[in-house]
N, C-alpha and C. Protein backbone atom coordinates (compact mmCIF):
# COMPACT_ATOMS: atom_id res chain seq x y z
N MET A 1 0.85 -1.18 0.00
CA MET A 1 0.00 0.00 0.00
C MET A 1 0.89 1.24 0.00
N ASN A 2 0.60 2.21 -0.86
CA ASN A 2 1.41 3.42 -0.86
C ASN A 2 0.89 4.41 0.19
N ILE A 3 1.69 5.42 0.46
CA ILE A 3 1.38 6.37 1.53
C ILE A 3 0.09 7.13 1.25
N GLU A 4 -0.14 7.52 0.01
CA GLU A 4 -1.38 8.26 -0.30
C GLU A 4 -2.61 7.41 -0.03
N SER A 5 -2.50 6.12 -0.30
CA SER A 5 -3.63 5.21 -0.01
C SER A 5 -3.87 5.12 1.50
N ARG A 6 -2.79 5.07 2.26
CA ARG A 6 -2.93 5.03 3.73
C ARG A 6 -3.58 6.32 4.26
N ILE A 7 -3.16 7.43 3.70
CA ILE A 7 -3.75 8.71 4.10
C ILE A 7 -5.24 8.73 3.78
N THR A 8 -5.60 8.28 2.60
CA THR A 8 -7.01 8.22 2.21
C THR A 8 -7.79 7.33 3.17
N GLU A 9 -7.21 6.20 3.53
CA GLU A 9 -7.87 5.29 4.46
C GLU A 9 -8.11 5.95 5.82
N HIS A 10 -7.10 6.70 6.32
CA HIS A 10 -7.26 7.40 7.59
C HIS A 10 -8.41 8.41 7.53
N PHE A 11 -8.45 9.21 6.47
CA PHE A 11 -9.52 10.19 6.32
C PHE A 11 -10.88 9.50 6.28
N GLN A 12 -10.99 8.44 5.49
CA GLN A 12 -12.27 7.76 5.35
C GLN A 12 -12.70 7.12 6.65
N ASP A 13 -11.78 6.43 7.34
CA ASP A 13 -12.12 5.77 8.61
C ASP A 13 -12.56 6.79 9.65
N SER A 14 -11.87 7.91 9.70
CA SER A 14 -12.20 8.95 10.68
C SER A 14 -13.58 9.53 10.41
N ALA A 15 -13.84 9.88 9.16
CA ALA A 15 -15.13 10.46 8.80
C ALA A 15 -16.27 9.47 9.05
N GLU A 16 -16.06 8.22 8.69
CA GLU A 16 -17.11 7.20 8.87
C GLU A 16 -17.42 6.98 10.34
N LEU A 17 -16.39 6.94 11.20
CA LEU A 17 -16.63 6.74 12.63
C LEU A 17 -17.41 7.92 13.20
N LYS A 18 -17.04 9.12 12.85
CA LYS A 18 -17.74 10.30 13.37
C LYS A 18 -19.23 10.25 13.01
N LEU A 19 -19.53 9.93 11.78
CA LEU A 19 -20.93 9.87 11.36
C LEU A 19 -21.65 8.68 11.99
N ARG A 20 -20.94 7.56 12.13
CA ARG A 20 -21.56 6.35 12.68
C ARG A 20 -21.95 6.52 14.15
N CYS A 21 -21.16 7.27 14.91
CA CYS A 21 -21.47 7.37 16.34
C CYS A 21 -22.21 8.66 16.71
N LEU A 22 -22.56 9.46 15.74
CA LEU A 22 -23.26 10.72 16.00
C LEU A 22 -24.53 10.52 16.81
N ALA A 23 -25.42 9.65 16.37
CA ALA A 23 -26.70 9.48 17.06
C ALA A 23 -26.51 8.99 18.49
N GLN A 24 -25.51 8.14 18.71
CA GLN A 24 -25.25 7.61 20.04
C GLN A 24 -24.67 8.67 20.97
N LEU A 25 -23.77 9.50 20.47
CA LEU A 25 -23.07 10.47 21.31
C LEU A 25 -23.82 11.78 21.50
N ARG A 26 -24.62 12.16 20.52
CA ARG A 26 -25.26 13.49 20.52
C ARG A 26 -26.00 13.82 21.82
N PRO A 27 -26.86 12.93 22.35
CA PRO A 27 -27.56 13.31 23.59
C PRO A 27 -26.64 13.49 24.79
N HIS A 28 -25.55 12.73 24.83
CA HIS A 28 -24.60 12.85 25.94
C HIS A 28 -23.79 14.15 25.82
N VAL A 29 -23.43 14.51 24.60
CA VAL A 29 -22.71 15.76 24.38
C VAL A 29 -23.62 16.94 24.73
N ALA A 30 -24.89 16.85 24.35
CA ALA A 30 -25.84 17.92 24.68
C ALA A 30 -26.02 18.04 26.20
N ALA A 31 -26.15 16.90 26.89
CA ALA A 31 -26.30 16.93 28.35
C ALA A 31 -25.06 17.52 29.02
N ALA A 32 -23.88 17.14 28.52
CA ALA A 32 -22.64 17.67 29.07
C ALA A 32 -22.55 19.18 28.84
N SER A 33 -22.99 19.64 27.68
CA SER A 33 -22.98 21.07 27.37
C SER A 33 -23.83 21.84 28.36
N HIS A 34 -25.02 21.32 28.65
CA HIS A 34 -25.91 21.99 29.60
C HIS A 34 -25.31 21.98 31.01
N ALA A 35 -24.70 20.87 31.40
CA ALA A 35 -24.07 20.80 32.73
C ALA A 35 -22.95 21.82 32.85
N MET A 36 -22.14 21.93 31.81
CA MET A 36 -21.03 22.89 31.83
C MET A 36 -21.55 24.33 31.82
N ALA A 37 -22.58 24.59 31.02
CA ALA A 37 -23.16 25.94 30.98
C ALA A 37 -23.76 26.29 32.34
N ASP A 38 -24.42 25.33 32.99
CA ASP A 38 -24.99 25.58 34.32
C ASP A 38 -23.89 25.94 35.31
N ALA A 39 -22.76 25.24 35.24
CA ALA A 39 -21.63 25.56 36.13
C ALA A 39 -21.13 26.98 35.87
N MET A 40 -21.04 27.37 34.61
CA MET A 40 -20.58 28.72 34.28
C MET A 40 -21.56 29.77 34.80
N ARG A 41 -22.87 29.52 34.62
CA ARG A 41 -23.90 30.47 35.07
C ARG A 41 -23.84 30.70 36.58
N SER A 42 -23.50 29.65 37.31
CA SER A 42 -23.50 29.76 38.77
C SER A 42 -22.16 30.19 39.34
N GLY A 43 -21.24 30.60 38.47
CA GLY A 43 -19.94 31.08 38.93
C GLY A 43 -18.96 29.99 39.29
N ASN A 44 -19.21 28.79 38.81
CA ASN A 44 -18.30 27.68 39.07
C ASN A 44 -17.32 27.51 37.91
N LYS A 45 -16.53 26.45 37.97
CA LYS A 45 -15.48 26.24 36.97
C LYS A 45 -15.45 24.79 36.52
N ILE A 46 -14.66 24.57 35.49
CA ILE A 46 -14.45 23.22 34.97
C ILE A 46 -12.97 22.89 35.12
N LEU A 47 -12.69 21.74 35.73
CA LEU A 47 -11.34 21.21 35.86
C LEU A 47 -11.22 20.06 34.87
N ALA A 48 -10.17 20.05 34.06
CA ALA A 48 -10.01 19.01 33.04
C ALA A 48 -8.72 18.25 33.27
N CYS A 49 -8.75 16.95 32.98
CA CYS A 49 -7.53 16.14 33.15
C CYS A 49 -7.51 14.97 32.18
N GLY A 50 -6.31 14.45 31.94
CA GLY A 50 -6.09 13.30 31.08
C GLY A 50 -4.59 13.08 30.93
N ASN A 51 -4.21 11.99 30.32
CA ASN A 51 -2.79 11.63 30.14
C ASN A 51 -2.44 11.62 28.65
N GLY A 52 -1.20 11.97 28.34
CA GLY A 52 -0.72 11.89 26.96
C GLY A 52 -1.54 12.76 26.02
N GLY A 53 -2.09 12.15 24.96
CA GLY A 53 -2.94 12.90 24.04
C GLY A 53 -4.15 13.49 24.74
N SER A 54 -4.66 12.80 25.75
CA SER A 54 -5.80 13.31 26.51
C SER A 54 -5.40 14.49 27.38
N ALA A 55 -4.14 14.55 27.81
CA ALA A 55 -3.64 15.74 28.52
C ALA A 55 -3.66 16.93 27.57
N ALA A 56 -3.19 16.72 26.35
CA ALA A 56 -3.22 17.79 25.35
C ALA A 56 -4.66 18.22 25.08
N ASP A 57 -5.57 17.25 25.00
CA ASP A 57 -6.98 17.58 24.78
C ASP A 57 -7.56 18.38 25.95
N SER A 58 -7.16 18.05 27.18
CA SER A 58 -7.68 18.79 28.33
C SER A 58 -7.16 20.23 28.30
N GLN A 59 -5.92 20.43 27.86
CA GLN A 59 -5.37 21.77 27.72
C GLN A 59 -6.08 22.54 26.60
N HIS A 60 -6.32 21.87 25.49
CA HIS A 60 -7.03 22.49 24.36
C HIS A 60 -8.42 22.93 24.82
N PHE A 61 -9.12 22.05 25.53
CA PHE A 61 -10.46 22.36 26.04
C PHE A 61 -10.42 23.60 26.93
N ALA A 62 -9.51 23.62 27.90
CA ALA A 62 -9.44 24.74 28.84
C ALA A 62 -9.12 26.04 28.12
N ALA A 63 -8.24 25.99 27.13
CA ALA A 63 -7.90 27.20 26.37
C ALA A 63 -9.09 27.75 25.61
N GLU A 64 -9.89 26.85 25.02
CA GLU A 64 -11.06 27.30 24.26
C GLU A 64 -12.10 27.94 25.19
N PHE A 65 -12.20 27.45 26.42
CA PHE A 65 -13.14 28.04 27.38
C PHE A 65 -12.61 29.36 27.90
N LEU A 66 -11.39 29.36 28.38
CA LEU A 66 -10.84 30.55 29.02
C LEU A 66 -10.68 31.70 28.02
N ASN A 67 -10.22 31.39 26.83
CA ASN A 67 -10.03 32.41 25.81
C ASN A 67 -11.27 32.46 24.92
N ARG A 68 -11.31 31.64 23.90
CA ARG A 68 -12.51 31.55 23.06
C ARG A 68 -12.31 30.47 22.01
N LEU A 69 -13.42 29.98 21.47
CA LEU A 69 -13.38 29.08 20.31
C LEU A 69 -13.50 29.95 19.07
N GLU A 70 -14.71 30.42 18.76
CA GLU A 70 -14.91 31.32 17.62
C GLU A 70 -15.61 32.61 18.04
N MET A 71 -16.52 32.50 18.99
CA MET A 71 -17.34 33.64 19.40
C MET A 71 -16.55 34.60 20.29
N GLU A 72 -16.71 35.89 20.04
CA GLU A 72 -16.15 36.89 20.94
C GLU A 72 -17.07 36.98 22.15
N ARG A 73 -16.54 36.67 23.31
CA ARG A 73 -17.33 36.69 24.54
C ARG A 73 -16.37 36.75 25.72
N GLY A 74 -16.92 36.92 26.90
CA GLY A 74 -16.09 36.98 28.09
C GLY A 74 -15.44 35.65 28.40
N GLU A 75 -14.51 35.68 29.31
CA GLU A 75 -13.77 34.47 29.70
C GLU A 75 -14.68 33.50 30.47
N LEU A 76 -14.45 32.22 30.27
CA LEU A 76 -15.15 31.18 31.01
C LEU A 76 -14.12 30.41 31.85
N ALA A 77 -14.47 30.14 33.10
CA ALA A 77 -13.52 29.56 34.05
C ALA A 77 -13.30 28.08 33.81
N ALA A 78 -12.15 27.75 33.27
CA ALA A 78 -11.77 26.35 33.05
C ALA A 78 -10.26 26.26 33.17
N MET A 79 -9.78 25.14 33.71
CA MET A 79 -8.34 24.93 33.80
C MET A 79 -8.01 23.46 33.62
N SER A 80 -6.86 23.23 33.02
CA SER A 80 -6.36 21.87 32.87
C SER A 80 -5.45 21.54 34.04
N LEU A 81 -5.62 20.37 34.61
CA LEU A 81 -4.80 19.92 35.74
C LEU A 81 -3.50 19.26 35.28
N THR A 82 -3.20 19.36 33.99
CA THR A 82 -2.04 18.68 33.42
C THR A 82 -0.86 19.60 33.16
N THR A 83 -0.97 20.89 33.50
CA THR A 83 -0.01 21.86 32.98
C THR A 83 1.06 22.31 33.96
N ASP A 84 0.87 22.14 35.25
CA ASP A 84 1.82 22.64 36.24
C ASP A 84 2.84 21.54 36.56
N THR A 85 4.00 21.59 35.91
CA THR A 85 4.97 20.51 36.06
C THR A 85 5.51 20.39 37.48
N SER A 86 5.63 21.50 38.19
CA SER A 86 6.12 21.42 39.57
C SER A 86 5.12 20.68 40.46
N THR A 87 3.84 20.99 40.28
CA THR A 87 2.81 20.29 41.05
C THR A 87 2.76 18.81 40.67
N LEU A 88 2.74 18.53 39.37
CA LEU A 88 2.64 17.14 38.91
C LEU A 88 3.82 16.31 39.41
N THR A 89 5.03 16.84 39.27
CA THR A 89 6.21 16.05 39.65
C THR A 89 6.36 15.93 41.16
N SER A 90 5.95 16.95 41.90
CA SER A 90 6.06 16.83 43.36
C SER A 90 5.08 15.80 43.89
N ILE A 91 3.85 15.80 43.37
CA ILE A 91 2.87 14.81 43.81
C ILE A 91 3.32 13.41 43.41
N ALA A 92 3.77 13.25 42.16
CA ALA A 92 4.23 11.94 41.70
C ALA A 92 5.41 11.45 42.51
N ASN A 93 6.31 12.35 42.88
CA ASN A 93 7.51 11.99 43.63
C ASN A 93 7.19 11.69 45.10
N ASP A 94 6.39 12.54 45.73
CA ASP A 94 6.12 12.40 47.16
C ASP A 94 5.03 11.37 47.47
N TYR A 95 4.11 11.18 46.55
CA TYR A 95 3.00 10.24 46.77
C TYR A 95 3.01 9.17 45.68
N SER A 96 2.30 9.43 44.59
CA SER A 96 2.34 8.51 43.45
C SER A 96 1.74 9.21 42.25
N TYR A 97 2.06 8.68 41.07
CA TYR A 97 1.50 9.25 39.84
C TYR A 97 -0.02 9.16 39.84
N GLU A 98 -0.55 8.16 40.51
CA GLU A 98 -1.99 7.98 40.55
C GLU A 98 -2.70 9.14 41.26
N GLU A 99 -1.98 9.93 42.05
CA GLU A 99 -2.58 11.01 42.83
C GLU A 99 -2.47 12.38 42.17
N ILE A 100 -1.84 12.48 40.98
CA ILE A 100 -1.52 13.81 40.43
C ILE A 100 -2.74 14.66 40.15
N PHE A 101 -3.87 14.06 39.82
CA PHE A 101 -5.08 14.84 39.56
C PHE A 101 -5.97 14.92 40.79
N SER A 102 -6.08 13.84 41.54
CA SER A 102 -7.01 13.82 42.68
C SER A 102 -6.62 14.84 43.74
N LYS A 103 -5.33 15.00 44.00
CA LYS A 103 -4.91 16.01 44.98
C LYS A 103 -5.28 17.42 44.50
N GLN A 104 -5.16 17.66 43.22
CA GLN A 104 -5.55 18.97 42.68
C GLN A 104 -7.06 19.18 42.76
N VAL A 105 -7.82 18.13 42.48
CA VAL A 105 -9.28 18.24 42.58
C VAL A 105 -9.68 18.57 44.01
N ARG A 106 -9.06 17.88 44.97
CA ARG A 106 -9.38 18.14 46.38
C ARG A 106 -9.00 19.56 46.78
N ALA A 107 -7.90 20.07 46.26
CA ALA A 107 -7.44 21.41 46.64
C ALA A 107 -8.20 22.53 45.92
N LEU A 108 -8.50 22.33 44.65
CA LEU A 108 -9.04 23.41 43.82
C LEU A 108 -10.53 23.31 43.56
N GLY A 109 -11.09 22.11 43.67
CA GLY A 109 -12.48 21.90 43.32
C GLY A 109 -13.44 22.35 44.40
N LYS A 110 -14.60 22.83 43.97
CA LYS A 110 -15.68 23.26 44.87
C LYS A 110 -16.96 22.56 44.45
N PRO A 111 -17.90 22.38 45.38
CA PRO A 111 -19.18 21.80 44.99
C PRO A 111 -19.80 22.55 43.80
N ASN A 112 -20.37 21.79 42.91
CA ASN A 112 -21.02 22.29 41.69
C ASN A 112 -20.06 22.71 40.59
N ASP A 113 -18.74 22.53 40.79
CA ASP A 113 -17.82 22.60 39.66
C ASP A 113 -18.08 21.37 38.79
N VAL A 114 -17.38 21.28 37.67
CA VAL A 114 -17.45 20.10 36.80
C VAL A 114 -16.03 19.59 36.60
N LEU A 115 -15.85 18.28 36.71
CA LEU A 115 -14.60 17.63 36.33
C LEU A 115 -14.79 17.03 34.94
N PHE A 116 -13.95 17.47 34.00
CA PHE A 116 -13.95 16.91 32.65
C PHE A 116 -12.81 15.90 32.59
N ALA A 117 -13.15 14.63 32.72
CA ALA A 117 -12.17 13.54 32.86
C ALA A 117 -12.04 12.81 31.53
N ILE A 118 -10.84 12.84 30.96
CA ILE A 118 -10.62 12.25 29.64
C ILE A 118 -9.68 11.05 29.77
N THR A 119 -10.14 9.89 29.35
CA THR A 119 -9.32 8.68 29.34
C THR A 119 -9.77 7.81 28.18
N THR A 120 -8.90 7.63 27.20
CA THR A 120 -9.25 6.88 26.00
C THR A 120 -9.69 5.46 26.33
N SER A 121 -8.99 4.83 27.26
CA SER A 121 -9.28 3.44 27.62
C SER A 121 -10.39 3.33 28.67
N GLY A 122 -10.59 4.39 29.43
CA GLY A 122 -11.50 4.32 30.57
C GLY A 122 -10.85 3.71 31.79
N ASN A 123 -9.54 3.45 31.73
CA ASN A 123 -8.85 2.74 32.82
C ASN A 123 -7.69 3.52 33.45
N SER A 124 -7.50 4.77 33.11
CA SER A 124 -6.37 5.54 33.65
C SER A 124 -6.56 5.74 35.15
N LYS A 125 -5.65 5.16 35.93
CA LYS A 125 -5.83 5.16 37.38
C LYS A 125 -5.89 6.55 37.97
N ASN A 126 -5.06 7.46 37.46
CA ASN A 126 -5.06 8.81 38.02
C ASN A 126 -6.35 9.57 37.67
N VAL A 127 -6.93 9.29 36.53
CA VAL A 127 -8.21 9.91 36.16
C VAL A 127 -9.33 9.31 37.01
N LEU A 128 -9.29 8.01 37.24
CA LEU A 128 -10.30 7.37 38.09
C LEU A 128 -10.25 7.92 39.51
N LYS A 129 -9.04 8.14 40.03
CA LYS A 129 -8.91 8.72 41.37
C LYS A 129 -9.42 10.16 41.40
N ALA A 130 -9.22 10.89 40.32
CA ALA A 130 -9.75 12.25 40.23
C ALA A 130 -11.27 12.23 40.29
N ILE A 131 -11.89 11.24 39.65
CA ILE A 131 -13.35 11.11 39.69
C ILE A 131 -13.82 10.82 41.12
N GLU A 132 -13.12 9.94 41.81
CA GLU A 132 -13.47 9.66 43.20
C GLU A 132 -13.37 10.93 44.05
N ALA A 133 -12.31 11.71 43.84
CA ALA A 133 -12.14 12.96 44.59
C ALA A 133 -13.25 13.95 44.24
N ALA A 134 -13.65 13.99 42.98
CA ALA A 134 -14.74 14.88 42.56
C ALA A 134 -16.04 14.51 43.26
N HIS A 135 -16.34 13.22 43.30
CA HIS A 135 -17.57 12.78 43.97
C HIS A 135 -17.58 13.18 45.44
N ALA A 136 -16.43 13.06 46.08
CA ALA A 136 -16.34 13.40 47.51
C ALA A 136 -16.58 14.90 47.73
N LYS A 137 -16.35 15.71 46.71
CA LYS A 137 -16.54 17.17 46.84
C LYS A 137 -17.81 17.65 46.16
N GLN A 138 -18.71 16.74 45.78
CA GLN A 138 -19.97 17.08 45.12
C GLN A 138 -19.72 17.83 43.80
N ILE A 139 -18.76 17.33 43.05
CA ILE A 139 -18.42 17.87 41.73
C ILE A 139 -18.96 16.91 40.68
N LYS A 140 -19.76 17.43 39.75
CA LYS A 140 -20.30 16.61 38.67
C LYS A 140 -19.16 16.20 37.74
N VAL A 141 -19.25 15.01 37.19
CA VAL A 141 -18.22 14.49 36.28
C VAL A 141 -18.80 14.36 34.87
N VAL A 142 -18.06 14.89 33.92
CA VAL A 142 -18.29 14.60 32.51
C VAL A 142 -17.09 13.80 32.06
N ALA A 143 -17.30 12.55 31.68
CA ALA A 143 -16.21 11.66 31.30
C ALA A 143 -16.22 11.44 29.79
N LEU A 144 -15.03 11.51 29.20
CA LEU A 144 -14.85 11.28 27.77
C LEU A 144 -13.92 10.09 27.63
N SER A 145 -14.44 9.00 27.05
CA SER A 145 -13.65 7.78 26.96
C SER A 145 -13.83 7.13 25.60
N GLY A 146 -13.37 5.88 25.50
CA GLY A 146 -13.52 5.11 24.27
C GLY A 146 -13.64 3.64 24.59
N ARG A 147 -13.56 2.83 23.54
CA ARG A 147 -13.71 1.38 23.65
C ARG A 147 -15.03 1.05 24.33
N ASP A 148 -14.99 0.28 25.43
CA ASP A 148 -16.24 -0.04 26.14
C ASP A 148 -16.40 0.80 27.41
N GLY A 149 -15.54 1.80 27.59
CA GLY A 149 -15.62 2.66 28.77
C GLY A 149 -14.78 2.17 29.93
N GLY A 150 -14.33 0.94 29.90
CA GLY A 150 -13.44 0.39 30.93
C GLY A 150 -13.97 0.51 32.34
N LYS A 151 -13.07 0.69 33.30
CA LYS A 151 -13.43 0.76 34.72
C LYS A 151 -14.22 2.01 35.06
N LEU A 152 -14.15 2.98 34.18
CA LEU A 152 -14.91 4.22 34.34
C LEU A 152 -16.39 3.92 34.55
N ASN A 153 -16.91 2.93 33.84
CA ASN A 153 -18.33 2.58 33.94
C ASN A 153 -18.76 2.27 35.36
N GLU A 154 -17.88 1.62 36.13
CA GLU A 154 -18.23 1.23 37.49
C GLU A 154 -18.18 2.40 38.46
N LEU A 155 -17.48 3.46 38.08
CA LEU A 155 -17.19 4.55 39.00
C LEU A 155 -18.14 5.73 38.87
N LEU A 156 -18.75 5.89 37.73
CA LEU A 156 -19.60 7.05 37.52
C LEU A 156 -20.87 6.97 38.37
N ALA A 157 -21.28 8.14 38.85
CA ALA A 157 -22.45 8.23 39.74
C ALA A 157 -23.66 8.69 38.93
N PRO A 158 -24.85 8.49 39.48
CA PRO A 158 -26.04 9.06 38.84
C PRO A 158 -25.85 10.58 38.72
N GLY A 159 -26.18 11.11 37.57
CA GLY A 159 -25.99 12.53 37.33
C GLY A 159 -24.70 12.85 36.59
N ASP A 160 -23.73 11.92 36.63
CA ASP A 160 -22.53 12.07 35.81
C ASP A 160 -22.90 11.80 34.35
N ILE A 161 -22.06 12.27 33.44
CA ILE A 161 -22.33 12.11 32.01
C ILE A 161 -21.13 11.42 31.38
N HIS A 162 -21.40 10.36 30.63
CA HIS A 162 -20.33 9.58 30.00
C HIS A 162 -20.48 9.66 28.48
N ILE A 163 -19.45 10.18 27.84
CA ILE A 163 -19.40 10.24 26.37
C ILE A 163 -18.34 9.23 25.95
N CYS A 164 -18.79 8.08 25.49
CA CYS A 164 -17.89 6.97 25.18
C CYS A 164 -17.89 6.68 23.68
N VAL A 165 -16.73 6.83 23.06
CA VAL A 165 -16.60 6.59 21.62
C VAL A 165 -16.44 5.09 21.38
N PRO A 166 -17.39 4.46 20.69
CA PRO A 166 -17.38 3.01 20.53
C PRO A 166 -16.43 2.53 19.44
N HIS A 167 -15.14 2.56 19.76
CA HIS A 167 -14.12 2.12 18.79
C HIS A 167 -12.91 1.63 19.56
N ASP A 168 -12.09 0.79 18.95
CA ASP A 168 -10.94 0.21 19.64
C ASP A 168 -9.61 0.91 19.36
N ARG A 169 -9.51 1.65 18.29
CA ARG A 169 -8.22 2.28 17.94
C ARG A 169 -8.10 3.64 18.62
N THR A 170 -7.00 3.83 19.33
CA THR A 170 -6.78 5.07 20.07
C THR A 170 -6.83 6.29 19.18
N LEU A 171 -6.18 6.26 18.03
CA LEU A 171 -6.16 7.45 17.18
C LEU A 171 -7.56 7.83 16.71
N ARG A 172 -8.40 6.85 16.39
CA ARG A 172 -9.77 7.16 15.97
C ARG A 172 -10.58 7.74 17.14
N ILE A 173 -10.42 7.15 18.32
CA ILE A 173 -11.12 7.65 19.50
C ILE A 173 -10.74 9.10 19.75
N GLN A 174 -9.45 9.39 19.70
CA GLN A 174 -8.99 10.75 20.00
C GLN A 174 -9.43 11.74 18.93
N GLU A 175 -9.59 11.29 17.71
CA GLU A 175 -10.11 12.18 16.67
C GLU A 175 -11.56 12.58 16.96
N VAL A 176 -12.33 11.64 17.46
CA VAL A 176 -13.71 11.97 17.84
C VAL A 176 -13.70 12.84 19.10
N HIS A 177 -12.77 12.56 20.01
CA HIS A 177 -12.69 13.38 21.24
C HIS A 177 -12.51 14.86 20.91
N ILE A 178 -11.64 15.18 19.98
CA ILE A 178 -11.41 16.59 19.68
C ILE A 178 -12.65 17.21 19.05
N LEU A 179 -13.38 16.44 18.24
CA LEU A 179 -14.64 16.93 17.69
C LEU A 179 -15.65 17.18 18.81
N VAL A 180 -15.73 16.25 19.75
CA VAL A 180 -16.64 16.42 20.90
C VAL A 180 -16.26 17.68 21.68
N ILE A 181 -14.98 17.89 21.90
CA ILE A 181 -14.53 19.08 22.63
C ILE A 181 -14.97 20.35 21.91
N HIS A 182 -14.82 20.39 20.60
CA HIS A 182 -15.26 21.57 19.86
C HIS A 182 -16.78 21.72 19.94
N CYS A 183 -17.51 20.62 19.90
CA CYS A 183 -18.97 20.68 20.05
C CYS A 183 -19.36 21.22 21.42
N LEU A 184 -18.68 20.76 22.47
CA LEU A 184 -18.96 21.24 23.83
C LEU A 184 -18.72 22.74 23.92
N CYS A 185 -17.58 23.19 23.43
CA CYS A 185 -17.25 24.62 23.52
C CYS A 185 -18.27 25.45 22.74
N ASP A 186 -18.60 25.04 21.54
CA ASP A 186 -19.57 25.76 20.73
C ASP A 186 -20.95 25.76 21.38
N ALA A 187 -21.36 24.61 21.92
CA ALA A 187 -22.69 24.51 22.53
C ALA A 187 -22.78 25.38 23.79
N VAL A 188 -21.75 25.36 24.62
CA VAL A 188 -21.77 26.18 25.84
C VAL A 188 -21.83 27.66 25.45
N ASP A 189 -21.03 28.07 24.47
CA ASP A 189 -21.10 29.46 24.01
C ASP A 189 -22.51 29.81 23.56
N THR A 190 -23.12 28.92 22.80
CA THR A 190 -24.47 29.19 22.26
C THR A 190 -25.50 29.25 23.39
N ILE A 191 -25.41 28.32 24.35
CA ILE A 191 -26.34 28.32 25.48
C ILE A 191 -26.22 29.60 26.29
N LEU A 192 -25.00 30.03 26.54
CA LEU A 192 -24.78 31.19 27.41
C LEU A 192 -24.95 32.52 26.71
N PHE A 193 -24.57 32.58 25.44
CA PHE A 193 -24.51 33.88 24.76
C PHE A 193 -25.38 33.98 23.52
N GLY A 194 -26.06 32.91 23.15
CA GLY A 194 -26.90 32.91 21.96
C GLY A 194 -26.10 32.71 20.69
N GLU A 195 -26.80 32.57 19.60
CA GLU A 195 -26.14 32.36 18.32
C GLU A 195 -25.64 33.69 17.78
N LYS A 196 -24.42 33.69 17.30
CA LYS A 196 -23.83 34.93 16.74
C LYS A 196 -23.50 34.71 15.29
């Protein structure tokens, strides 16, 4: 197979997956959008976390909220828990890597905030611990995962929202994740500020 054929296959597979899972994901993305908009209306914030590509996605999400996606509007309170290397490395060194997000959630999170927890496999131990910490602080969880949702399924509480991309390949899951993130940002802007 030549490289151009491989590129074509990637584009086709990505587009087909996005369209195939639209009906399944749409109500969960809409519910998550309303939950995030409600948090913004009440003066709360969104904390986002994930590992690797999901860490980058959590940073992308927070930047689109704090700054903007497309609409000119005021700042929205969101932060990624993946960006402070001194905090991350001190927690990992003094306690364990599994605690890098949960300790931040306990320190920074307030009731009625939202935790945006991203884990492609649904099994990232540090993300699961962050969810446990969020529940202890009455923080709603919006989880973004893939495959069958993994251990995340057992941990989510009533009222939490799970957006699970039904696919096995990490790159395809993450491609849908970034689309979901853009949908969330656009929907929250529209809910809060109307269509522009």
